[in-house]
């Protein structure tokens, strides 16, 4: 089983290199706090907030996966060069249709050099 790295608030980290490593590998979820049952909901996942990630042949973001709890909802895969071989933020918007009473969204980003990184969970209330 691979190790899953989790986001740590970089304001609590002293070393700049460590802040860079944590931030650029962490997925950040942007979504409305409420959704309507059965209606499409846009969930944006962006890798990195303050720091960009390389897009090199041997070091790039290979995938972003979205989960509701332990249920995999969606996944986007990337190949090297998708971001023009420039440091950037891999980003994807998933459209999902919530059917339960709430969503507990978590995203994983996979870096070919530094493994799996997990976002902070985001809860979305689902109204009838």
Protein backbone atom coordinates (compact mmCIF):
# COMPACT_ATOMS: atom_id res chain seq x y z
CA UNK A 1 0.00 0.00 0.00
CA UNK A 2 1.52 3.35 -1.00
CA UNK A 3 1.98 6.11 1.57
CA UNK A 4 -0.58 8.90 1.30
CA UNK A 5 0.85 12.33 2.10
CA UNK A 6 -1.57 14.82 3.63
CA UNK A 7 -1.68 18.59 3.35
CA UNK A 8 -0.26 20.57 6.26
CA UNK A 9 -0.98 24.29 6.63
CA UNK A 10 2.22 25.75 5.18
CA UNK A 11 1.95 28.78 7.48
CA UNK A 12 3.04 26.40 10.27
CA UNK A 13 6.13 25.26 8.32
CA UNK A 14 9.39 27.17 8.73
CA UNK A 15 11.56 25.95 5.84
CA UNK A 16 10.70 27.47 2.45
CA UNK A 17 11.69 24.28 0.57
CA UNK A 18 9.29 22.24 2.72
CA UNK A 19 6.47 24.76 2.10
CA UNK A 20 7.09 24.45 -1.64
CA UNK A 21 7.07 20.62 -1.52
CA UNK A 22 3.85 20.43 0.49
CA UNK A 23 1.91 23.12 -1.38
CA UNK A 24 2.74 22.18 -4.97
CA UNK A 25 1.84 18.52 -4.38
CA UNK A 26 -1.41 19.12 -2.49
CA UNK A 27 -4.81 19.10 -4.21
CA UNK A 28 -7.16 21.96 -3.32
CA UNK A 29 -10.92 21.49 -3.77
CA UNK A 30 -13.18 24.41 -4.69
CA UNK A 31 -16.93 23.68 -4.55
CA UNK A 32 -20.15 25.29 -3.35
CA UNK A 33 -21.00 24.38 0.28
CA UNK A 34 -24.52 23.32 -0.71
CA UNK A 35 -25.86 21.30 -3.63
CA UNK A 36 -29.25 20.14 -4.85
CA UNK A 37 -29.98 16.41 -5.04
CA UNK A 38 -29.88 15.16 -8.62
CA UNK A 39 -28.50 18.41 -10.08
CA UNK A 40 -25.00 18.69 -11.53
CA UNK A 41 -22.37 20.10 -9.20
CA UNK A 42 -19.03 21.48 -10.38
CA UNK A 43 -16.06 20.41 -8.27
CA UNK A 44 -12.73 22.05 -9.15
CA UNK A 45 -9.47 20.43 -8.05
CA UNK A 46 -6.21 22.33 -8.46
CA UNK A 47 -2.77 20.98 -7.62
CA UNK A 48 -0.91 23.57 -5.58
CA UNK A 49 -2.07 26.91 -4.34
CA UNK A 50 0.96 29.20 -3.97
CA UNK A 51 3.61 27.04 -5.66
CA UNK A 52 3.55 25.52 -9.16
CA UNK A 53 4.57 21.96 -10.06
CA UNK A 54 7.03 20.82 -12.77
CA UNK A 55 5.74 19.26 -15.99
CA UNK A 56 8.87 17.31 -16.93
CA UNK A 57 9.11 13.91 -18.59
CA UNK A 58 10.12 12.24 -15.30
CA UNK A 59 8.35 14.55 -12.81
CA UNK A 60 4.76 15.61 -13.37
CA UNK A 61 1.24 15.27 -11.96
CA UNK A 62 -0.03 12.03 -13.50
CA UNK A 63 -3.58 12.07 -12.13
CA UNK A 64 -6.18 13.78 -9.98
CA UNK A 65 -8.85 11.59 -8.39
CA UNK A 66 -12.02 12.72 -6.60
CA UNK A 67 -13.65 10.64 -3.84
CA UNK A 68 -16.85 10.87 -1.80
CA UNK A 69 -15.66 9.21 1.38
CA UNK A 70 -14.22 5.89 0.15
CA UNK A 71 -16.16 5.94 -3.14
CA UNK A 72 -14.20 6.97 -6.21
CA UNK A 73 -16.26 9.49 -8.21
CA UNK A 74 -13.96 10.62 -11.01
CA UNK A 75 -10.38 10.66 -12.24
CA UNK A 76 -8.39 12.69 -14.74
CA UNK A 77 -5.05 11.46 -16.11
CA UNK A 78 -2.29 13.58 -17.60
CA UNK A 79 0.78 12.81 -19.69
CA UNK A 80 4.06 14.72 -19.49
CA UNK A 81 3.84 17.90 -21.51
CA UNK A 82 0.11 18.45 -20.91
CA UNK A 83 1.03 21.78 -19.30
CA UNK A 84 3.53 22.68 -22.05
CA UNK A 85 6.55 21.43 -20.09
CA UNK A 86 6.22 24.56 -17.91
CA UNK A 87 5.81 24.75 -14.13
CA UNK A 88 2.09 25.17 -13.59
CA UNK A 89 -0.98 24.02 -11.67
CA UNK A 90 -2.62 20.84 -12.96
CA UNK A 91 -6.33 21.56 -12.65
CA UNK A 92 -9.59 19.83 -13.52
CA UNK A 93 -13.30 20.45 -13.00
CA UNK A 94 -15.43 17.39 -12.37
CA UNK A 95 -19.22 17.50 -12.84
CA UNK A 96 -20.97 15.16 -10.43
CA UNK A 97 -24.62 14.52 -9.56
CA UNK A 98 -25.09 14.20 -5.77
CA UNK A 99 -27.81 11.77 -4.71
CA UNK A 100 -27.25 11.36 -0.95
CA UNK A 101 -27.77 13.78 1.95
CA UNK A 102 -24.18 15.05 1.98
CA UNK A 103 -20.86 14.70 0.23
CA UNK A 104 -17.52 14.26 1.95
CA UNK A 105 -15.17 15.16 -0.89
CA UNK A 106 -11.48 14.31 -0.86
CA UNK A 107 -9.04 14.57 -3.77
CA UNK A 108 -5.81 12.69 -4.42
CA UNK A 109 -3.08 13.95 -6.69
CA UNK A 110 -0.37 11.59 -7.92
CA UNK A 111 3.12 12.96 -8.60
CA UNK A 112 5.41 10.60 -10.52
CA UNK A 113 8.32 11.51 -8.21
CA UNK A 114 6.69 12.22 -4.83
CA UNK A 115 3.69 9.86 -4.71
CA UNK A 116 0.09 10.36 -3.61
CA UNK A 117 -1.06 13.56 -1.91
CA UNK A 118 -4.46 14.01 -0.26
CA UNK A 119 -6.53 17.18 0.09
CA UNK A 120 -8.32 18.42 3.14
CA UNK A 121 -11.85 16.95 3.17
CA UNK A 122 -14.67 19.28 2.08
CA UNK A 123 -18.24 18.60 3.18
CA UNK A 124 -21.14 19.60 0.94
CA UNK A 125 -24.73 19.57 2.20
CA UNK A 126 -27.22 18.13 -0.31
CA UNK A 127 -30.77 19.47 -0.20
CA UNK A 128 -33.85 17.78 -1.66
